[in-house]
Amino acid sequence: MKAFNGILAHHIPNLAGSTPRTALFIAGDNAAAKQAVASLVSALGFDTVDAGTLAEAWRFEPESGAYTPIYVADMAVFAADYLADPGTPVVADRLRELLADSHRADVAARQF
């Protein structure tokens, strides 16, 4: 199972129960486990978007276009002090769009 990795930890309490309701991606290979995780995510105040299997979970990894910056409220604030950014709601339909448009990052080309 994969959940909560596409959002920064400090955005979770800030966006839980937001209006509009924020959505998070989940991915997994076991339907029952996915349902259990979706129930937990819902109880924490979020909607879920099923991103498919674990093999497809690259769609919400760093540099994919569907990762943590999508929840940033103000990129200037975030760049200066990421913990100062309160986050912004992202609804399920927008997450589905981002997932459809995501691309696989060229991990081998990363420079540190």
N, C-alpha and C. Protein backbone atom coordinates (compact mmCIF):
# COMPACT_ATOMS: atom_id res chain seq x y z
N MET A 1 0.84 -1.18 0.00
CA MET A 1 0.00 0.00 0.00
C MET A 1 0.88 1.23 0.00
N LYS A 2 0.37 2.24 -0.66
CA LYS A 2 1.06 3.52 -0.69
C LYS A 2 0.02 4.62 -0.51
N ALA A 3 0.24 5.43 0.51
CA ALA A 3 -0.63 6.57 0.79
C ALA A 3 0.16 7.59 1.58
N PHE A 4 -0.23 8.82 1.53
CA PHE A 4 0.35 9.92 2.28
C PHE A 4 1.75 10.34 1.82
N ASN A 5 2.33 9.70 0.81
CA ASN A 5 3.68 10.10 0.42
C ASN A 5 3.66 11.29 -0.53
N GLY A 6 2.51 11.65 -1.09
CA GLY A 6 2.45 12.73 -2.06
C GLY A 6 2.13 14.08 -1.44
N ILE A 7 2.08 14.16 -0.12
CA ILE A 7 1.76 15.39 0.59
C ILE A 7 2.76 15.55 1.72
N LEU A 8 3.15 16.80 1.98
CA LEU A 8 4.08 17.04 3.08
C LEU A 8 3.39 16.82 4.42
N ALA A 9 4.15 16.32 5.38
CA ALA A 9 3.59 15.95 6.68
C ALA A 9 2.86 17.12 7.35
N HIS A 10 3.43 18.33 7.28
CA HIS A 10 2.78 19.45 7.98
C HIS A 10 1.53 19.94 7.25
N HIS A 11 1.36 19.56 6.00
CA HIS A 11 0.12 19.91 5.29
C HIS A 11 -1.05 19.01 5.71
N ILE A 12 -0.75 17.84 6.22
CA ILE A 12 -1.82 16.90 6.58
C ILE A 12 -2.76 17.49 7.64
N PRO A 13 -2.26 17.94 8.79
CA PRO A 13 -3.21 18.51 9.76
C PRO A 13 -3.83 19.82 9.27
N ASN A 14 -3.09 20.57 8.46
CA ASN A 14 -3.63 21.84 7.95
C ASN A 14 -4.77 21.64 6.97
N LEU A 15 -4.74 20.56 6.22
CA LEU A 15 -5.74 20.34 5.17
C LEU A 15 -6.80 19.31 5.52
N ALA A 16 -6.64 18.62 6.64
CA ALA A 16 -7.65 17.64 7.06
C ALA A 16 -8.98 18.34 7.28
N GLY A 17 -10.02 17.84 6.63
CA GLY A 17 -11.35 18.41 6.77
C GLY A 17 -11.52 19.76 6.09
N SER A 18 -10.64 20.08 5.15
CA SER A 18 -10.70 21.38 4.47
C SER A 18 -11.97 21.50 3.62
N THR A 19 -12.30 22.74 3.32
CA THR A 19 -13.38 23.04 2.39
C THR A 19 -12.78 23.88 1.28
N PRO A 20 -12.76 23.40 0.05
CA PRO A 20 -13.25 22.09 -0.37
C PRO A 20 -12.36 20.98 0.20
N ARG A 21 -12.92 19.80 0.20
CA ARG A 21 -12.24 18.65 0.80
C ARG A 21 -11.03 18.24 -0.04
N THR A 22 -9.88 18.18 0.59
CA THR A 22 -8.64 17.79 -0.06
C THR A 22 -8.63 16.28 -0.30
N ALA A 23 -8.03 15.88 -1.41
CA ALA A 23 -7.92 14.46 -1.75
C ALA A 23 -6.45 14.03 -1.74
N LEU A 24 -6.24 12.77 -1.48
CA LEU A 24 -4.91 12.16 -1.48
C LEU A 24 -4.93 10.93 -2.36
N PHE A 25 -3.78 10.64 -2.97
CA PHE A 25 -3.64 9.43 -3.76
C PHE A 25 -3.44 8.22 -2.86
N ILE A 26 -3.96 7.09 -3.30
CA ILE A 26 -3.61 5.80 -2.72
C ILE A 26 -3.31 4.84 -3.87
N ALA A 27 -2.44 3.89 -3.61
CA ALA A 27 -2.12 2.86 -4.61
C ALA A 27 -1.83 1.57 -3.86
N GLY A 28 -2.14 0.46 -4.49
CA GLY A 28 -1.87 -0.83 -3.86
C GLY A 28 -2.30 -1.98 -4.73
N ASP A 29 -1.85 -3.15 -4.35
CA ASP A 29 -2.14 -4.36 -5.11
C ASP A 29 -3.24 -5.21 -4.50
N ASN A 30 -3.73 -4.82 -3.34
CA ASN A 30 -4.74 -5.59 -2.63
C ASN A 30 -5.99 -4.73 -2.44
N ALA A 31 -7.09 -5.14 -3.05
CA ALA A 31 -8.33 -4.35 -3.01
C ALA A 31 -8.83 -4.14 -1.59
N ALA A 32 -8.75 -5.16 -0.75
CA ALA A 32 -9.24 -5.02 0.63
C ALA A 32 -8.37 -4.04 1.41
N ALA A 33 -7.07 -4.10 1.20
CA ALA A 33 -6.17 -3.16 1.88
C ALA A 33 -6.43 -1.74 1.40
N LYS A 34 -6.67 -1.58 0.10
CA LYS A 34 -6.98 -0.25 -0.43
C LYS A 34 -8.24 0.31 0.22
N GLN A 35 -9.25 -0.52 0.36
CA GLN A 35 -10.50 -0.07 0.98
C GLN A 35 -10.27 0.33 2.44
N ALA A 36 -9.46 -0.45 3.15
CA ALA A 36 -9.17 -0.12 4.55
C ALA A 36 -8.41 1.21 4.65
N VAL A 37 -7.45 1.41 3.77
CA VAL A 37 -6.69 2.67 3.77
C VAL A 37 -7.60 3.82 3.37
N ALA A 38 -8.45 3.64 2.37
CA ALA A 38 -9.38 4.69 1.95
C ALA A 38 -10.29 5.08 3.11
N SER A 39 -10.73 4.11 3.90
CA SER A 39 -11.57 4.40 5.06
C SER A 39 -10.81 5.21 6.11
N LEU A 40 -9.56 4.86 6.34
CA LEU A 40 -8.74 5.61 7.29
C LEU A 40 -8.51 7.04 6.80
N VAL A 41 -8.16 7.19 5.53
CA VAL A 41 -7.93 8.51 4.95
C VAL A 41 -9.20 9.36 5.07
N SER A 42 -10.34 8.76 4.80
CA SER A 42 -11.61 9.47 4.92
C SER A 42 -11.87 9.89 6.36
N ALA A 43 -11.61 8.99 7.30
CA ALA A 43 -11.81 9.31 8.71
C ALA A 43 -10.91 10.46 9.17
N LEU A 44 -9.78 10.63 8.50
CA LEU A 44 -8.86 11.72 8.83
C LEU A 44 -9.25 13.03 8.14
N GLY A 45 -10.29 12.99 7.30
CA GLY A 45 -10.81 14.20 6.71
C GLY A 45 -10.42 14.47 5.26
N PHE A 46 -10.05 13.41 4.54
CA PHE A 46 -9.63 13.55 3.15
C PHE A 46 -10.44 12.63 2.25
N ASP A 47 -10.56 13.02 0.99
CA ASP A 47 -11.05 12.11 -0.05
C ASP A 47 -9.86 11.33 -0.59
N THR A 48 -10.12 10.27 -1.33
CA THR A 48 -9.03 9.51 -1.94
C THR A 48 -9.22 9.42 -3.45
N VAL A 49 -8.11 9.29 -4.12
CA VAL A 49 -8.08 9.02 -5.56
C VAL A 49 -7.25 7.76 -5.73
N ASP A 50 -7.86 6.73 -6.30
CA ASP A 50 -7.17 5.47 -6.52
C ASP A 50 -6.22 5.63 -7.71
N ALA A 51 -4.93 5.54 -7.43
CA ALA A 51 -3.90 5.71 -8.46
C ALA A 51 -3.47 4.39 -9.09
N GLY A 52 -4.17 3.32 -8.75
CA GLY A 52 -3.87 2.03 -9.38
C GLY A 52 -3.01 1.13 -8.50
N THR A 53 -2.22 0.31 -9.16
CA THR A 53 -1.37 -0.65 -8.47
C THR A 53 -0.08 0.00 -8.00
N LEU A 54 0.69 -0.73 -7.23
CA LEU A 54 1.99 -0.21 -6.80
C LEU A 54 2.92 0.01 -8.00
N ALA A 55 2.79 -0.80 -9.03
CA ALA A 55 3.59 -0.60 -10.24
C ALA A 55 3.26 0.72 -10.93
N GLU A 56 2.07 1.23 -10.71
CA GLU A 56 1.65 2.50 -11.31
C GLU A 56 1.85 3.70 -10.38
N ALA A 57 2.33 3.43 -9.19
CA ALA A 57 2.45 4.48 -8.18
C ALA A 57 3.53 5.51 -8.50
N TRP A 58 4.34 5.28 -9.51
CA TRP A 58 5.32 6.28 -9.95
C TRP A 58 4.62 7.58 -10.36
N ARG A 59 3.33 7.48 -10.67
CA ARG A 59 2.59 8.66 -11.14
C ARG A 59 2.48 9.75 -10.08
N PHE A 60 2.72 9.42 -8.81
CA PHE A 60 2.73 10.46 -7.77
C PHE A 60 4.01 10.39 -6.94
N GLU A 61 5.11 10.33 -7.66
CA GLU A 61 6.45 10.37 -7.10
C GLU A 61 7.08 11.74 -7.38
N PRO A 62 8.22 12.04 -6.75
CA PRO A 62 8.90 13.30 -7.04
C PRO A 62 9.14 13.47 -8.54
N GLU A 63 8.97 14.69 -8.99
CA GLU A 63 9.20 15.10 -10.38
C GLU A 63 8.17 14.57 -11.37
N SER A 64 7.10 13.94 -10.89
CA SER A 64 6.09 13.37 -11.79
C SER A 64 5.06 14.41 -12.23
N GLY A 65 4.96 15.50 -11.50
CA GLY A 65 3.92 16.49 -11.75
C GLY A 65 2.71 16.31 -10.84
N ALA A 66 2.67 15.23 -10.09
CA ALA A 66 1.54 14.95 -9.18
C ALA A 66 2.07 14.66 -7.78
N TYR A 67 3.01 15.48 -7.35
CA TYR A 67 3.67 15.26 -6.06
C TYR A 67 3.47 16.47 -5.15
N THR A 68 4.16 16.56 -4.08
CA THR A 68 3.93 17.51 -2.99
C THR A 68 3.72 18.97 -3.40
N PRO A 69 4.38 19.51 -4.40
CA PRO A 69 4.14 20.93 -4.72
C PRO A 69 2.69 21.26 -5.10
N ILE A 70 1.93 20.25 -5.47
CA ILE A 70 0.54 20.52 -5.85
C ILE A 70 -0.29 21.00 -4.66
N TYR A 71 0.17 20.74 -3.44
CA TYR A 71 -0.54 21.17 -2.23
C TYR A 71 0.01 22.47 -1.66
N VAL A 72 0.97 23.11 -2.32
CA VAL A 72 1.60 24.33 -1.82
C VAL A 72 0.69 25.53 -2.11
N ALA A 73 0.48 26.36 -1.10
CA ALA A 73 -0.37 27.54 -1.24
C ALA A 73 0.39 28.70 -1.88
N ASP A 74 1.65 28.87 -1.52
CA ASP A 74 2.43 30.01 -2.00
C ASP A 74 3.87 29.54 -2.21
N MET A 75 4.28 29.44 -3.48
CA MET A 75 5.61 28.90 -3.79
C MET A 75 6.73 29.78 -3.22
N ALA A 76 6.54 31.10 -3.15
CA ALA A 76 7.58 31.98 -2.60
C ALA A 76 7.76 31.70 -1.10
N VAL A 77 6.66 31.57 -0.39
CA VAL A 77 6.73 31.24 1.04
C VAL A 77 7.35 29.86 1.21
N PHE A 78 6.92 28.93 0.40
CA PHE A 78 7.42 27.56 0.46
C PHE A 78 8.93 27.53 0.22
N ALA A 79 9.41 28.28 -0.76
CA ALA A 79 10.84 28.30 -1.08
C ALA A 79 11.66 28.91 0.05
N ALA A 80 11.10 29.91 0.71
CA ALA A 80 11.81 30.57 1.80
C ALA A 80 11.80 29.74 3.08
N ASP A 81 10.67 29.11 3.36
CA ASP A 81 10.50 28.31 4.58
C ASP A 81 9.32 27.37 4.37
N TYR A 82 9.60 26.18 3.91
CA TYR A 82 8.51 25.28 3.51
C TYR A 82 7.54 25.00 4.65
N LEU A 83 8.00 25.05 5.88
CA LEU A 83 7.10 24.81 7.01
C LEU A 83 6.12 25.96 7.24
N ALA A 84 6.42 27.13 6.69
CA ALA A 84 5.51 28.27 6.84
C ALA A 84 4.34 28.21 5.86
N ASP A 85 4.44 27.38 4.84
CA ASP A 85 3.35 27.28 3.87
C ASP A 85 2.22 26.45 4.48
N PRO A 86 0.99 27.01 4.52
CA PRO A 86 -0.12 26.29 5.14
C PRO A 86 -0.72 25.19 4.28
N GLY A 87 -0.39 25.19 3.01
CA GLY A 87 -1.00 24.22 2.10
C GLY A 87 -2.29 24.76 1.52
N THR A 88 -2.72 24.14 0.44
CA THR A 88 -3.98 24.53 -0.20
C THR A 88 -4.73 23.28 -0.61
N PRO A 89 -6.05 23.28 -0.49
CA PRO A 89 -6.82 22.09 -0.86
C PRO A 89 -6.67 21.75 -2.34
N VAL A 90 -6.62 20.47 -2.60
CA VAL A 90 -6.63 19.94 -3.97
C VAL A 90 -7.74 18.90 -4.02
N VAL A 91 -8.75 19.15 -4.83
CA VAL A 91 -9.91 18.26 -4.87
C VAL A 91 -9.63 17.04 -5.73
N ALA A 92 -10.44 16.02 -5.57
CA ALA A 92 -10.25 14.73 -6.25
C ALA A 92 -10.20 14.87 -7.77
N ASP A 93 -11.08 15.67 -8.36
CA ASP A 93 -11.06 15.82 -9.81
C ASP A 93 -9.74 16.40 -10.29
N ARG A 94 -9.18 17.35 -9.56
CA ARG A 94 -7.89 17.93 -9.93
C ARG A 94 -6.79 16.88 -9.79
N LEU A 95 -6.84 16.07 -8.76
CA LEU A 95 -5.84 15.00 -8.60
C LEU A 95 -5.91 14.02 -9.76
N ARG A 96 -7.11 13.70 -10.20
CA ARG A 96 -7.24 12.79 -11.35
C ARG A 96 -6.60 13.39 -12.60
N GLU A 97 -6.80 14.69 -12.80
CA GLU A 97 -6.18 15.38 -13.94
C GLU A 97 -4.65 15.32 -13.84
N LEU A 98 -4.13 15.62 -12.67
CA LEU A 98 -2.69 15.60 -12.47
C LEU A 98 -2.13 14.20 -12.66
N LEU A 99 -2.85 13.20 -12.20
CA LEU A 99 -2.42 11.82 -12.36
C LEU A 99 -2.37 11.44 -13.84
N ALA A 100 -3.37 11.84 -14.60
CA ALA A 100 -3.42 11.54 -16.03
C ALA A 100 -2.29 12.23 -16.78
N ASP A 101 -1.89 13.42 -16.31
CA ASP A 101 -0.84 14.19 -16.98
C ASP A 101 0.55 13.92 -16.42
N SER A 102 0.67 13.09 -15.40
CA SER A 102 1.97 12.88 -14.77
C SER A 102 2.92 12.16 -15.73
N HIS A 103 4.19 12.29 -15.46
CA HIS A 103 5.21 11.66 -16.29
C HIS A 103 6.23 10.97 -15.40
N ARG A 104 6.84 9.96 -15.93
CA ARG A 104 7.84 9.22 -15.17
C ARG A 104 9.13 10.00 -15.15
N ALA A 105 9.63 10.27 -13.96
CA ALA A 105 10.87 11.02 -13.81
C ALA A 105 12.06 10.19 -14.28
N ASP A 106 13.03 10.87 -14.84
CA ASP A 106 14.28 10.22 -15.25
C ASP A 106 15.20 10.19 -14.04
N VAL A 107 15.03 9.20 -13.21
CA VAL A 107 15.76 9.09 -11.95
C VAL A 107 17.27 9.03 -12.19
N ALA A 108 17.68 8.36 -13.23
CA ALA A 108 19.10 8.22 -13.52
C ALA A 108 19.76 9.56 -13.85
N ALA A 109 18.99 10.53 -14.29
CA ALA A 109 19.54 11.83 -14.68
C ALA A 109 19.61 12.82 -13.51
N ARG A 110 19.12 12.44 -12.34
CA ARG A 110 19.13 13.35 -11.20
C ARG A 110 20.55 13.72 -10.80
N GLN A 111 20.71 14.99 -10.45
CA GLN A 111 22.00 15.47 -9.95
C GLN A 111 21.79 16.04 -8.56
N PHE A 112 22.71 15.72 -7.70
CA PHE A 112 22.60 16.19 -6.30
C PHE A 112 23.78 17.07 -5.97
